[in-house]
Amino acid sequence: MSQAAQSIPDDAIIPPGPSAQSAPPDGPAPAATPGRLRQLLRPELLQSLGLGLLSLAAGVLFWHWASSTNLNFYVNFENVPGPGKVFASFLGHLQTEIFYTHIRVSMQRIVLSYSIAAALGIGLGLIMGRSKIVRAFVMPYIEVIRPIPAVAWIPLAILMWPTEEASIIYITFLGALFPIVLNTLHGVEQTPEVLVRAAQSLGASRLAIFGHVVLPAALPSISAGLAIGMGVSWFSLLAGEIISGQYGIGYFTWNAYSLINYQDIVVGMLVIGFLGTASTAAIKLMTKPLLKWQKRTR
């Protein structure tokens, strides 16, 4: 070893840089939890949540006041049970197995009929949006059948299908189908033609244009149609269950009305509202990852 190297003191050795240092003994750094927490606790989100809770509380207070004072001013609350009675009835039903059976049967019908409607509606809407011949052929059927309410389909559906279960699913399917088809068609029609021509000028095939230009442009409308279709499917399902069902939350509500059980009527209505809201929120949550590009373009 040379004399110059021996004269360098130990404390003058330069420590290795960050890339050469070993990882801390406790392992890798944790995920950015504070960042996620700040995202969840955004002021506008907290404000929206607070206003929603305040609105619900005001509605429950008005309901309690109107039912306790037997309010009869245009709307008659004399026979409307108060929130306390409804909540007590709801807790009682939570302890029975048949109540969960009603909810399970309704959810099964919704999942099956809505899945068929979503698959057929999106596919048909995409084809109609890109083919004038198919649109001219199919649109008259949609415009004639779409205004028919679900209740009007019940007698014919019972005659058409071999079982009551199949007729209920068919009616629910029709309710979800038309919003999905029309919103998908609208989304395809709103695709900027300049993007299609640009892809054509670059040599893209029709299938590539459809998959990389038309479908992404139509996704916002498709997402809206799926959410609307879920709400309409619940309306159609309940209409079918009221008339021809033996199980389901719609049958539960109608049976409570037949027995003049006012508390259970409101319980059924609130459960329907909660299930409809939760299922629509689930649809929006599932389609949200497909729409991330919207935030990047803002």
Protein backbone atom coordinates (compact mmCIF):
# COMPACT_ATOMS: atom_id res chain seq x y z
CA MET A 1 0.00 0.00 0.00
CA SER A 2 1.30 3.47 -0.90
CA GLN A 3 2.16 6.14 1.66
CA ALA A 4 -0.62 8.48 0.37
CA ALA A 5 -3.24 5.84 0.93
CA GLN A 6 -1.99 5.09 4.43
CA SER A 7 -2.20 8.77 5.42
CA ILE A 8 -5.98 9.05 4.81
CA PRO A 9 -7.77 9.11 8.19
CA ASP A 10 -10.69 6.76 8.83
CA ASP A 11 -13.23 9.56 9.41
CA ALA A 12 -12.52 11.05 5.98
CA ILE A 13 -13.94 8.05 4.14
CA ILE A 14 -17.02 9.15 2.14
CA PRO A 15 -20.11 7.09 3.07
CA PRO A 16 -21.93 5.29 0.27
CA GLY A 17 -24.83 7.09 -1.44
CA PRO A 18 -28.49 6.28 -1.02
CA SER A 19 -28.37 3.70 -3.80
CA ALA A 20 -25.58 1.78 -2.08
CA GLN A 21 -27.09 1.85 1.38
CA SER A 22 -28.90 -1.21 2.54
CA ALA A 23 -32.58 -1.18 3.36
CA PRO A 24 -33.55 -0.20 6.89
CA PRO A 25 -33.74 -3.08 9.31
CA ASP A 26 -37.47 -2.72 9.71
CA GLY A 27 -38.11 -3.56 6.05
CA PRO A 28 -39.46 -1.42 3.19
CA ALA A 29 -41.18 1.85 3.87
CA PRO A 30 -44.93 1.54 4.44
CA ALA A 31 -47.43 2.64 1.82
CA ALA A 32 -48.51 6.24 1.68
CA THR A 33 -51.36 5.77 4.12
CA PRO A 34 -51.57 9.48 5.05
CA GLY A 35 -52.04 10.32 1.38
CA ARG A 36 -54.90 7.88 1.05
CA LEU A 37 -56.40 9.18 4.27
CA ARG A 38 -56.24 12.75 2.98
CA GLN A 39 -57.94 11.61 -0.21
CA LEU A 40 -60.76 10.03 1.77
CA LEU A 41 -61.06 13.07 4.03
CA ARG A 42 -61.27 15.64 1.27
CA PRO A 43 -63.27 18.72 2.33
CA GLU A 44 -65.77 18.42 -0.54
CA LEU A 45 -66.33 14.71 0.24
CA LEU A 46 -66.85 15.40 3.93
CA GLN A 47 -69.17 18.27 3.12
CA SER A 48 -71.26 16.10 0.78
CA LEU A 49 -71.42 13.30 3.35
CA GLY A 50 -72.37 15.70 6.12
CA LEU A 51 -75.14 17.31 4.07
CA GLY A 52 -76.48 13.87 3.14
CA LEU A 53 -76.62 12.75 6.77
CA LEU A 54 -78.20 16.04 7.79
CA SER A 55 -80.84 15.66 5.10
CA LEU A 56 -81.67 12.12 6.21
CA ALA A 57 -81.89 13.20 9.84
CA ALA A 58 -84.24 16.04 8.93
CA GLY A 59 -86.44 13.62 6.99
CA VAL A 60 -86.62 11.17 9.89
CA LEU A 61 -87.47 13.99 12.31
CA PHE A 62 -90.25 15.23 10.05
CA TRP A 63 -91.55 11.68 9.68
CA HIS A 64 -91.60 11.27 13.48
CA TRP A 65 -93.34 14.61 13.99
CA ALA A 66 -95.93 14.02 11.27
CA SER A 67 -96.83 10.50 12.46
CA SER A 68 -96.93 11.45 16.15
CA THR A 69 -99.17 14.49 15.54
CA ASN A 70 -101.37 12.67 12.97
CA LEU A 71 -100.67 15.32 10.38
CA ASN A 72 -103.47 15.57 7.82
CA PHE A 73 -102.70 18.39 5.42
CA TYR A 74 -103.07 17.17 1.82
CA VAL A 75 -101.00 14.15 2.87
CA ASN A 76 -102.53 12.01 5.63
CA PHE A 77 -100.11 10.61 8.23
CA GLU A 78 -102.77 9.26 10.59
CA ASN A 79 -102.11 5.61 9.70
CA VAL A 80 -98.40 5.97 8.94
CA PRO A 81 -96.28 4.26 11.62
CA GLY A 82 -93.48 6.28 13.20
CA PRO A 83 -89.76 5.57 12.85
CA GLY A 84 -89.63 3.83 16.23
CA LYS A 85 -92.31 1.28 15.34
CA VAL A 86 -90.76 0.64 11.93
CA PHE A 87 -87.30 0.15 13.41
CA ALA A 88 -88.65 -2.25 16.05
CA SER A 89 -90.43 -4.24 13.33
CA PHE A 90 -87.25 -4.32 11.26
CA LEU A 91 -85.23 -5.66 14.19
CA GLY A 92 -87.85 -8.34 14.72
CA HIS A 93 -87.65 -9.46 11.08
CA LEU A 94 -83.86 -9.64 11.28
CA GLN A 95 -84.31 -12.51 13.72
CA THR A 96 -86.41 -14.57 11.29
CA GLU A 97 -85.07 -16.76 8.49
CA ILE A 98 -87.90 -16.03 6.05
CA PHE A 99 -86.92 -12.35 5.89
CA TYR A 100 -83.46 -13.23 4.61
CA THR A 101 -85.05 -15.67 2.16
CA HIS A 102 -87.10 -12.83 0.66
CA ILE A 103 -83.98 -10.70 0.23
CA ARG A 104 -81.92 -13.57 -1.18
CA VAL A 105 -84.56 -14.51 -3.75
CA SER A 106 -84.90 -10.92 -4.95
CA MET A 107 -81.13 -10.52 -5.23
CA GLN A 108 -80.83 -13.75 -7.22
CA ARG A 109 -83.50 -12.58 -9.65
CA ILE A 110 -81.81 -9.21 -10.05
CA VAL A 111 -78.37 -10.68 -10.67
CA LEU A 112 -79.60 -13.14 -13.30
CA SER A 113 -81.93 -10.83 -15.22
CA TYR A 114 -79.62 -7.82 -15.02
CA SER A 115 -76.61 -9.80 -16.21
CA ILE A 116 -78.50 -10.97 -19.29
CA ALA A 117 -79.80 -7.46 -19.95
CA ALA A 118 -76.33 -5.91 -19.58
CA ALA A 119 -74.66 -8.39 -21.94
CA LEU A 120 -77.38 -8.18 -24.59
CA GLY A 121 -78.00 -4.46 -24.18
CA ILE A 122 -74.36 -3.40 -24.52
CA GLY A 123 -73.77 -5.70 -27.48
CA LEU A 124 -76.94 -4.62 -29.26
CA GLY A 125 -76.31 -0.95 -28.58
CA LEU A 126 -72.76 -1.12 -29.95
CA ILE A 127 -73.91 -2.87 -33.13
CA MET A 128 -76.80 -0.45 -33.63
CA GLY A 129 -74.48 2.51 -33.15
CA ARG A 130 -72.13 1.37 -35.92
CA SER A 131 -74.65 -0.13 -38.34
CA LYS A 132 -77.48 1.97 -39.76
CA ILE A 133 -79.14 -1.12 -41.18
CA VAL A 134 -79.32 -2.88 -37.80
CA ARG A 135 -80.48 0.31 -36.10
CA ALA A 136 -83.27 0.84 -38.63
CA PHE A 137 -84.37 -2.77 -38.20
CA VAL A 138 -84.30 -2.96 -34.38
CA MET A 139 -85.27 0.56 -33.31
CA PRO A 140 -89.02 0.22 -34.10
CA TYR A 141 -89.27 -2.73 -31.70
CA ILE A 142 -87.49 -0.78 -28.97
CA GLU A 143 -89.65 2.32 -29.39
CA VAL A 144 -92.89 0.30 -29.32
CA ILE A 145 -92.02 -2.03 -26.40
CA ARG A 146 -90.09 0.44 -24.24
CA PRO A 147 -93.09 2.56 -23.05
CA ILE A 148 -95.04 -0.52 -21.91
CA PRO A 149 -94.91 -0.61 -18.08
CA ALA A 150 -93.76 -3.71 -16.27
CA VAL A 151 -97.20 -4.34 -14.74
CA ALA A 152 -98.77 -4.57 -18.20
CA TRP A 153 -96.35 -7.38 -19.13
CA ILE A 154 -97.33 -9.61 -16.21
CA PRO A 155 -100.42 -11.40 -17.68
CA LEU A 156 -98.69 -12.05 -21.01
CA ALA A 157 -95.43 -13.08 -19.33
CA ILE A 158 -97.28 -15.67 -17.25
CA LEU A 159 -98.80 -17.09 -20.45
CA MET A 160 -95.49 -17.02 -22.34
CA TRP A 161 -93.16 -18.59 -19.80
CA PRO A 162 -93.57 -22.03 -18.20
CA THR A 163 -93.02 -20.92 -14.59
CA GLU A 164 -93.74 -17.83 -12.54
CA GLU A 165 -90.04 -17.52 -11.75
CA ALA A 166 -89.18 -17.30 -15.44
CA SER A 167 -91.88 -14.68 -16.01
CA ILE A 168 -90.54 -12.51 -13.16
CA ILE A 169 -87.00 -12.72 -14.54
CA TYR A 170 -88.30 -11.85 -18.02
CA ILE A 171 -90.11 -8.75 -16.74
CA THR A 172 -87.04 -7.66 -14.78
CA PHE A 173 -84.86 -8.25 -17.84
CA LEU A 174 -87.06 -5.98 -19.97
CA GLY A 175 -86.88 -3.20 -17.40
CA ALA A 176 -83.08 -3.17 -17.42
CA LEU A 177 -82.60 -3.76 -21.14
CA PHE A 178 -83.88 -0.56 -22.72
CA PRO A 179 -81.89 2.00 -20.66
CA ILE A 180 -78.70 0.05 -21.33
CA VAL A 181 -79.36 -0.24 -25.08
CA LEU A 182 -80.28 3.40 -25.58
CA ASN A 183 -77.43 4.80 -23.50
CA THR A 184 -74.93 2.55 -25.28
CA LEU A 185 -76.32 3.65 -28.64
CA HIS A 186 -76.06 7.29 -27.59
CA GLY A 187 -72.46 6.82 -26.50
CA VAL A 188 -71.46 5.23 -29.82
CA GLU A 189 -73.19 7.99 -31.78
CA GLN A 190 -71.33 10.65 -29.79
CA THR A 191 -67.92 9.24 -30.75
CA PRO A 192 -65.96 12.07 -32.43
CA GLU A 193 -65.78 11.31 -36.11
CA VAL A 194 -62.38 12.98 -36.32
CA LEU A 195 -60.94 10.25 -34.10
CA VAL A 196 -62.38 7.54 -36.34
CA ARG A 197 -60.95 9.18 -39.46
CA ALA A 198 -57.57 9.64 -37.78
CA ALA A 199 -57.46 5.95 -36.93
CA GLN A 200 -58.46 5.06 -40.49
CA SER A 201 -55.72 7.26 -41.92
CA LEU A 202 -53.19 5.39 -39.78
CA GLY A 203 -54.31 2.09 -41.28
CA ALA A 204 -56.38 0.78 -38.36
CA SER A 205 -58.85 -1.96 -39.19
CA ARG A 206 -62.56 -1.68 -38.44
CA LEU A 207 -62.18 -4.04 -35.50
CA ALA A 208 -59.28 -1.99 -34.10
CA ILE A 209 -61.25 1.24 -34.50
CA PHE A 210 -64.18 -0.36 -32.73
CA GLY A 211 -62.07 -1.59 -29.82
CA HIS A 212 -59.68 1.34 -29.38
CA VAL A 213 -61.78 4.34 -30.43
CA VAL A 214 -65.53 3.69 -30.37
CA LEU A 215 -65.78 1.55 -27.23
CA PRO A 216 -63.65 3.83 -24.98
CA ALA A 217 -65.59 6.89 -26.17
CA ALA A 218 -68.90 5.19 -25.38
CA LEU A 219 -67.90 3.95 -21.92
CA PRO A 220 -69.27 6.98 -19.98
CA SER A 221 -72.71 6.55 -21.56
CA ILE A 222 -72.57 2.78 -21.07
CA SER A 223 -71.76 3.30 -17.38
CA ALA A 224 -74.70 5.67 -17.01
CA GLY A 225 -77.00 3.21 -18.77
CA LEU A 226 -75.92 0.38 -16.48
CA ALA A 227 -76.67 2.48 -13.39
CA ILE A 228 -80.08 3.57 -14.72
CA GLY A 229 -80.89 0.03 -15.79
CA MET A 230 -80.22 -1.29 -12.30
CA GLY A 231 -82.75 1.12 -10.82
CA VAL A 232 -85.41 0.28 -13.41
CA SER A 233 -84.79 -3.43 -12.95
CA TRP A 234 -85.71 -3.15 -9.27
CA PHE A 235 -88.97 -1.40 -10.20
CA SER A 236 -89.79 -4.14 -12.70
CA LEU A 237 -88.82 -6.91 -10.30
CA LEU A 238 -91.09 -5.63 -7.56
CA ALA A 239 -94.00 -5.33 -9.97
CA GLY A 240 -93.54 -8.97 -10.94
CA GLU A 241 -93.14 -10.17 -7.36
CA ILE A 242 -96.25 -8.34 -6.22
CA ILE A 243 -98.47 -10.07 -8.76
CA SER A 244 -97.03 -13.54 -9.24
CA GLY A 245 -94.31 -14.11 -6.67
CA GLN A 246 -94.30 -16.26 -3.55
CA TYR A 247 -90.98 -14.98 -2.24
CA GLY A 248 -89.05 -11.75 -2.60
CA ILE A 249 -89.02 -8.38 -0.93
CA GLY A 250 -91.74 -7.14 -3.29
CA TYR A 251 -94.00 -10.00 -2.25
CA PHE A 252 -93.14 -9.27 1.39
CA THR A 253 -94.26 -5.65 0.99
CA TRP A 254 -97.46 -6.53 -0.85
CA ASN A 255 -98.32 -9.25 1.66
CA ALA A 256 -97.90 -6.73 4.48
CA TYR A 257 -100.37 -4.44 2.69
CA SER A 258 -102.85 -7.31 2.30
CA LEU A 259 -102.61 -8.03 6.03
CA ILE A 260 -102.89 -4.30 6.87
CA ASN A 261 -99.50 -4.45 8.61
CA TYR A 262 -98.36 -0.86 8.16
CA GLN A 263 -95.00 -1.28 9.87
CA ASP A 264 -93.96 -4.07 7.52
CA ILE A 265 -95.05 -2.05 4.51
CA VAL A 266 -92.56 0.66 5.42
CA VAL A 267 -89.91 -1.94 6.30
CA GLY A 268 -90.26 -3.46 2.85
CA MET A 269 -90.09 -0.06 1.18
CA LEU A 270 -86.94 0.93 3.06
CA VAL A 271 -85.25 -2.42 2.35
CA ILE A 272 -86.07 -2.02 -1.34
CA GLY A 273 -84.58 1.47 -1.30
CA PHE A 274 -81.44 0.30 0.45
CA LEU A 275 -80.93 -2.68 -1.86
CA GLY A 276 -81.51 -0.56 -4.94
CA THR A 277 -79.09 2.11 -3.75
CA ALA A 278 -76.43 -0.44 -2.81
CA SER A 279 -76.69 -2.31 -6.12
CA THR A 280 -76.49 0.90 -8.15
CA ALA A 281 -73.45 2.00 -6.14
CA ALA A 282 -71.86 -1.40 -6.81
CA ILE A 283 -72.36 -0.93 -10.56
CA LYS A 284 -70.74 2.51 -10.43
CA LEU A 285 -67.86 1.12 -8.40
CA MET A 286 -67.26 -1.69 -10.90
CA THR A 287 -67.28 0.67 -13.89
CA LYS A 288 -65.13 3.34 -12.22
CA PRO A 289 -61.76 1.73 -13.15
CA LEU A 290 -62.78 1.85 -16.82
CA LEU A 291 -63.25 5.62 -16.64
CA LYS A 292 -59.93 6.63 -15.09
CA TRP A 293 -58.90 8.27 -18.34
CA GLN A 294 -61.58 10.95 -17.77
CA LYS A 295 -59.64 12.35 -14.79
CA ARG A 296 -56.40 12.42 -16.76
CA THR A 297 -57.99 14.43 -19.57
CA ARG A 298 -59.47 17.11 -17.33
